[in-house]
Structures are given as C-alpha cells and as structure tokens.
C-alpha cells in the first residue's frame, strides 16, 4: 500500500466542494449528475424530499473519508465527525477545511 501524498486543501470552499464531488462520483454510484451535487445536497436520507440527496449510509460516508485520506492525504479524525451536524456536502466541506487547516 502506498503512502498518500498530502495535498493542501484548496483555498476556496468551492474547490473543496469539487474534490468532494469527485470522491462521491468515484466511490459511490449515485443517481445524481455531477452538476446536481452542490453544497446544499444532503448526505443522508430523511430530509426534504425535494432536496437532492446522496442517500449515504455510514459505510458510504466512511469510504468517502478514507478516499480523502488515500487520495489527498486529508485526515478527518473520527472524533470530529458528527453525523447530526454534517448533513450536507457543504457541511462536509467545512469539516474538511476545519480539520486540515485548523479551526480559525
């Protein structure tokens, strides 16, 4: 197994969203087109049915976090992940930025 090369988190929120989108599309067969995965897209089922949703379960989410670590070297400690607070792609982007850059 190769060691991931740590890549800096992109400076912009939108660039982090793009990286998340790439991980979602690579790791999970979603019923959404790439352009439909936005910061407002929910991760978990059970929210507003009119809102696009990735319908993740805990394994899907874990696979995405592992993808971040393997592909980009971004580490998100398990203790920092709260599925009740991380409900959208935007929430996940904020979590990535906070954990890789540190809290402001």
N, C-alpha and C. Protein backbone atom coordinates (compact mmCIF):
# COMPACT_ATOMS: atom_id res chain seq x y z
N UNK A 1 0.85 -1.18 0.00
CA UNK A 1 0.00 0.00 0.00
C UNK A 1 0.89 1.23 0.00
N UNK A 2 0.61 2.14 -0.88
CA UNK A 2 1.44 3.34 -0.96
C UNK A 2 0.96 4.38 0.02
N UNK A 3 1.90 5.21 0.45
CA UNK A 3 1.57 6.29 1.36
C UNK A 3 1.02 7.45 0.56
N UNK A 4 -0.13 8.01 0.99
CA UNK A 4 -0.70 9.12 0.22
C UNK A 4 0.20 10.35 0.30
N UNK A 5 0.19 11.09 -0.76
CA UNK A 5 0.90 12.36 -0.78
C UNK A 5 -0.05 13.41 -0.24
N UNK A 6 0.35 14.07 0.83
CA UNK A 6 -0.53 15.08 1.40
C UNK A 6 -0.60 16.26 0.45
N UNK A 7 -1.81 16.60 0.10
CA UNK A 7 -2.05 17.74 -0.76
C UNK A 7 -2.75 18.80 0.07
N UNK A 8 -2.37 20.03 -0.08
CA UNK A 8 -3.06 21.06 0.69
C UNK A 8 -4.52 21.14 0.29
N UNK A 9 -5.35 21.45 1.25
CA UNK A 9 -6.75 21.67 0.94
C UNK A 9 -6.83 22.92 0.07
N UNK A 10 -7.59 22.86 -1.01
CA UNK A 10 -7.73 24.06 -1.83
C UNK A 10 -8.19 25.24 -0.99
N UNK A 11 -7.73 26.41 -1.35
CA UNK A 11 -8.03 27.61 -0.58
C UNK A 11 -9.50 27.98 -0.61
N UNK A 12 -10.19 27.62 -1.67
CA UNK A 12 -11.58 28.05 -1.76
C UNK A 12 -12.54 26.92 -1.38
N UNK A 13 -13.61 27.33 -0.78
CA UNK A 13 -14.69 26.43 -0.41
C UNK A 13 -15.20 25.68 -1.64
N UNK A 14 -15.37 26.39 -2.74
CA UNK A 14 -15.86 25.78 -3.98
C UNK A 14 -14.92 24.69 -4.49
N UNK A 15 -13.61 24.90 -4.33
CA UNK A 15 -12.65 23.89 -4.77
C UNK A 15 -12.75 22.63 -3.91
N UNK A 16 -13.01 22.80 -2.62
CA UNK A 16 -13.21 21.63 -1.74
C UNK A 16 -14.48 20.90 -2.16
N UNK A 17 -15.53 21.63 -2.49
CA UNK A 17 -16.77 21.01 -2.97
C UNK A 17 -16.48 20.17 -4.21
N UNK A 18 -15.65 20.68 -5.11
CA UNK A 18 -15.29 19.94 -6.33
C UNK A 18 -14.59 18.62 -5.99
N UNK A 19 -13.68 18.67 -5.02
CA UNK A 19 -12.96 17.45 -4.60
C UNK A 19 -13.93 16.46 -3.96
N UNK A 20 -14.87 16.95 -3.17
CA UNK A 20 -15.87 16.07 -2.56
C UNK A 20 -16.72 15.44 -3.66
N UNK A 21 -17.15 16.25 -4.61
CA UNK A 21 -17.95 15.74 -5.73
C UNK A 21 -17.21 14.62 -6.45
N UNK A 22 -15.92 14.83 -6.70
CA UNK A 22 -15.12 13.80 -7.37
C UNK A 22 -15.09 12.51 -6.55
N UNK A 23 -14.94 12.64 -5.24
CA UNK A 23 -14.91 11.45 -4.39
C UNK A 23 -16.25 10.74 -4.36
N UNK A 24 -17.32 11.49 -4.33
CA UNK A 24 -18.66 10.90 -4.32
C UNK A 24 -18.90 10.13 -5.62
N UNK A 25 -18.57 10.74 -6.73
CA UNK A 25 -18.81 10.11 -8.02
C UNK A 25 -17.91 8.91 -8.26
N UNK A 26 -16.73 8.95 -7.69
CA UNK A 26 -15.79 7.84 -7.86
C UNK A 26 -16.13 6.66 -6.95
N UNK A 27 -16.56 6.98 -5.74
CA UNK A 27 -16.73 5.92 -4.75
C UNK A 27 -18.11 5.35 -4.62
N UNK A 28 -19.11 5.98 -5.14
CA UNK A 28 -20.47 5.53 -4.94
C UNK A 28 -21.28 5.79 -6.18
N UNK A 29 -22.03 4.82 -6.58
CA UNK A 29 -22.94 5.02 -7.71
C UNK A 29 -24.13 5.83 -7.25
N UNK A 30 -24.13 7.11 -7.55
CA UNK A 30 -25.24 7.97 -7.13
C UNK A 30 -26.16 8.21 -8.32
N UNK A 31 -27.39 8.51 -8.00
CA UNK A 31 -28.39 8.75 -9.03
C UNK A 31 -28.42 10.21 -9.46
N UNK A 32 -27.46 10.99 -9.01
CA UNK A 32 -27.40 12.41 -9.35
C UNK A 32 -26.29 12.66 -10.37
N UNK A 33 -26.53 13.60 -11.24
CA UNK A 33 -25.48 14.04 -12.16
C UNK A 33 -24.50 14.91 -11.37
N UNK A 34 -23.27 15.00 -11.84
CA UNK A 34 -22.24 15.77 -11.14
C UNK A 34 -22.70 17.20 -10.85
N UNK A 35 -23.36 17.83 -11.81
CA UNK A 35 -23.79 19.21 -11.62
C UNK A 35 -24.91 19.36 -10.59
N UNK A 36 -25.55 18.24 -10.24
CA UNK A 36 -26.61 18.27 -9.22
C UNK A 36 -26.07 18.08 -7.81
N UNK A 37 -24.78 17.78 -7.69
CA UNK A 37 -24.16 17.63 -6.37
C UNK A 37 -23.56 18.98 -6.00
N UNK A 38 -24.26 19.69 -5.13
CA UNK A 38 -23.86 21.03 -4.72
C UNK A 38 -23.63 21.04 -3.21
N UNK A 39 -23.27 22.20 -2.69
CA UNK A 39 -23.07 22.29 -1.25
C UNK A 39 -24.36 22.05 -0.46
N UNK A 40 -25.51 22.23 -1.10
CA UNK A 40 -26.79 22.01 -0.43
C UNK A 40 -27.29 20.57 -0.52
N UNK A 41 -26.62 19.73 -1.30
CA UNK A 41 -27.03 18.34 -1.44
C UNK A 41 -26.86 17.62 -0.10
N UNK A 42 -27.92 16.96 0.33
CA UNK A 42 -27.85 16.25 1.61
C UNK A 42 -27.12 14.92 1.45
N UNK A 43 -26.47 14.52 2.53
CA UNK A 43 -25.74 13.26 2.55
C UNK A 43 -26.64 12.09 2.93
N UNK A 44 -27.54 12.34 3.86
CA UNK A 44 -28.33 11.28 4.48
C UNK A 44 -29.80 11.37 4.06
N UNK A 45 -30.45 10.24 3.88
CA UNK A 45 -31.88 10.27 3.57
C UNK A 45 -32.69 10.74 4.77
N UNK A 46 -33.89 11.19 4.51
CA UNK A 46 -34.79 11.57 5.60
C UNK A 46 -35.07 13.04 5.69
N UNK A 47 -34.45 13.82 4.86
CA UNK A 47 -34.69 15.27 4.89
C UNK A 47 -35.81 15.65 3.95
N UNK A 48 -35.72 16.82 3.41
CA UNK A 48 -36.69 17.35 2.47
C UNK A 48 -36.63 16.54 1.18
N UNK A 49 -37.74 15.87 0.80
CA UNK A 49 -37.71 15.04 -0.40
C UNK A 49 -37.49 15.83 -1.70
N UNK A 50 -37.71 17.14 -1.67
CA UNK A 50 -37.47 17.94 -2.86
C UNK A 50 -35.99 18.32 -3.01
N UNK A 51 -35.20 18.09 -1.97
CA UNK A 51 -33.77 18.41 -1.97
C UNK A 51 -32.98 17.22 -2.50
N UNK A 52 -32.04 17.43 -3.44
CA UNK A 52 -31.21 16.31 -3.91
C UNK A 52 -30.47 15.66 -2.73
N UNK A 53 -30.39 14.34 -2.74
CA UNK A 53 -29.78 13.59 -1.65
C UNK A 53 -28.89 12.49 -2.18
N UNK A 54 -27.74 12.30 -1.53
CA UNK A 54 -26.83 11.22 -1.91
C UNK A 54 -27.25 9.88 -1.32
N UNK A 55 -28.14 9.90 -0.33
CA UNK A 55 -28.63 8.68 0.33
C UNK A 55 -27.50 7.83 0.88
N UNK A 56 -26.54 8.49 1.51
CA UNK A 56 -25.42 7.79 2.14
C UNK A 56 -25.90 6.99 3.34
N UNK A 57 -25.16 5.93 3.62
CA UNK A 57 -25.25 5.27 4.91
C UNK A 57 -23.88 5.45 5.55
N UNK A 58 -23.69 4.92 6.76
CA UNK A 58 -22.43 5.16 7.46
C UNK A 58 -21.23 4.58 6.71
N UNK A 59 -21.41 3.47 6.03
CA UNK A 59 -20.30 2.86 5.26
C UNK A 59 -19.92 3.76 4.09
N UNK A 60 -20.91 4.29 3.38
CA UNK A 60 -20.62 5.20 2.26
C UNK A 60 -19.82 6.41 2.73
N UNK A 61 -20.23 6.96 3.87
CA UNK A 61 -19.54 8.13 4.42
C UNK A 61 -18.11 7.78 4.79
N UNK A 62 -17.93 6.65 5.46
CA UNK A 62 -16.59 6.20 5.84
C UNK A 62 -15.72 6.00 4.61
N UNK A 63 -16.27 5.40 3.57
CA UNK A 63 -15.50 5.20 2.34
C UNK A 63 -15.07 6.54 1.74
N UNK A 64 -15.92 7.54 1.82
CA UNK A 64 -15.56 8.86 1.31
C UNK A 64 -14.44 9.49 2.14
N UNK A 65 -14.52 9.37 3.45
CA UNK A 65 -13.47 9.90 4.32
C UNK A 65 -12.14 9.18 4.06
N UNK A 66 -12.19 7.87 3.85
CA UNK A 66 -10.98 7.11 3.52
C UNK A 66 -10.44 7.55 2.16
N UNK A 67 -11.31 7.82 1.21
CA UNK A 67 -10.89 8.32 -0.09
C UNK A 67 -10.12 9.63 0.06
N UNK A 68 -10.62 10.54 0.91
CA UNK A 68 -9.91 11.79 1.15
C UNK A 68 -8.50 11.54 1.66
N UNK A 69 -8.39 10.61 2.59
CA UNK A 69 -7.08 10.32 3.16
C UNK A 69 -6.15 9.67 2.13
N UNK A 70 -6.67 8.68 1.40
CA UNK A 70 -5.85 7.97 0.41
C UNK A 70 -5.49 8.86 -0.77
N UNK A 71 -6.44 9.62 -1.26
CA UNK A 71 -6.23 10.40 -2.47
C UNK A 71 -5.53 11.74 -2.23
N UNK A 72 -5.91 12.41 -1.14
CA UNK A 72 -5.42 13.76 -0.90
C UNK A 72 -4.56 13.90 0.36
N UNK A 73 -4.54 12.87 1.21
CA UNK A 73 -3.81 12.98 2.47
C UNK A 73 -4.54 13.80 3.51
N UNK A 74 -5.84 14.05 3.30
CA UNK A 74 -6.64 14.83 4.24
C UNK A 74 -7.17 13.91 5.32
N UNK A 75 -6.84 14.20 6.56
CA UNK A 75 -7.28 13.36 7.67
C UNK A 75 -8.35 14.09 8.47
N UNK A 76 -9.47 13.41 8.64
CA UNK A 76 -10.54 13.93 9.49
C UNK A 76 -10.68 12.94 10.64
N UNK A 77 -10.29 13.34 11.84
CA UNK A 77 -10.40 12.42 12.98
C UNK A 77 -11.85 11.99 13.21
N UNK A 78 -12.01 10.72 13.50
CA UNK A 78 -13.35 10.17 13.74
C UNK A 78 -14.09 10.95 14.82
N UNK A 79 -13.35 11.41 15.82
CA UNK A 79 -13.98 12.15 16.92
C UNK A 79 -14.55 13.49 16.49
N UNK A 80 -14.14 14.00 15.32
CA UNK A 80 -14.64 15.28 14.82
C UNK A 80 -15.85 15.13 13.91
N UNK A 81 -16.23 13.90 13.61
CA UNK A 81 -17.34 13.66 12.71
C UNK A 81 -18.61 13.46 13.51
N UNK A 82 -19.55 14.35 13.32
CA UNK A 82 -20.86 14.25 13.96
C UNK A 82 -21.90 14.22 12.84
N UNK A 83 -22.49 13.05 12.63
CA UNK A 83 -23.43 12.91 11.52
C UNK A 83 -24.67 13.77 11.69
N UNK A 84 -24.95 14.23 12.90
CA UNK A 84 -26.10 15.11 13.11
C UNK A 84 -25.79 16.54 12.68
N UNK A 85 -24.52 16.90 12.67
CA UNK A 85 -24.11 18.23 12.24
C UNK A 85 -23.61 18.25 10.80
N UNK A 86 -23.15 17.13 10.31
CA UNK A 86 -22.63 17.02 8.95
C UNK A 86 -23.73 16.42 8.07
N UNK A 87 -24.64 17.28 7.62
CA UNK A 87 -25.81 16.80 6.89
C UNK A 87 -25.76 17.05 5.39
N UNK A 88 -24.91 17.99 4.97
CA UNK A 88 -24.85 18.34 3.55
C UNK A 88 -23.41 18.28 3.04
N UNK A 89 -23.27 18.33 1.74
CA UNK A 89 -21.94 18.39 1.13
C UNK A 89 -21.21 19.64 1.64
N UNK A 90 -21.92 20.73 1.81
CA UNK A 90 -21.32 21.96 2.33
C UNK A 90 -20.82 21.79 3.76
N UNK A 91 -21.60 21.09 4.59
CA UNK A 91 -21.15 20.80 5.95
C UNK A 91 -19.86 19.98 5.93
N UNK A 92 -19.79 19.01 5.01
CA UNK A 92 -18.60 18.19 4.90
C UNK A 92 -17.40 19.02 4.44
N UNK A 93 -17.63 19.94 3.50
CA UNK A 93 -16.54 20.82 3.05
C UNK A 93 -16.01 21.65 4.21
N UNK A 94 -16.90 22.18 5.02
CA UNK A 94 -16.50 22.96 6.18
C UNK A 94 -15.70 22.10 7.15
N UNK A 95 -16.12 20.87 7.35
CA UNK A 95 -15.40 19.94 8.23
C UNK A 95 -14.00 19.65 7.70
N UNK A 96 -13.88 19.44 6.40
CA UNK A 96 -12.57 19.20 5.78
C UNK A 96 -11.67 20.41 6.01
N UNK A 97 -12.16 21.59 5.70
CA UNK A 97 -11.35 22.80 5.84
C UNK A 97 -10.92 23.00 7.28
N UNK A 98 -11.85 22.82 8.21
CA UNK A 98 -11.54 22.99 9.62
C UNK A 98 -10.46 22.01 10.09
N UNK A 99 -10.56 20.77 9.69
CA UNK A 99 -9.63 19.76 10.17
C UNK A 99 -8.28 19.79 9.48
N UNK A 100 -8.24 20.20 8.26
CA UNK A 100 -6.96 20.22 7.57
C UNK A 100 -6.22 21.55 7.79
N UNK A 101 -6.96 22.64 7.83
CA UNK A 101 -6.34 23.95 8.08
C UNK A 101 -6.31 24.30 9.55
N UNK A 102 -7.17 23.68 10.35
CA UNK A 102 -7.29 24.04 11.76
C UNK A 102 -8.39 25.06 11.93
N UNK A 103 -8.96 25.04 13.10
CA UNK A 103 -10.06 25.98 13.39
C UNK A 103 -9.53 27.40 13.41
N UNK A 104 -10.34 28.34 12.90
CA UNK A 104 -9.87 29.75 12.87
C UNK A 104 -9.72 30.31 14.27
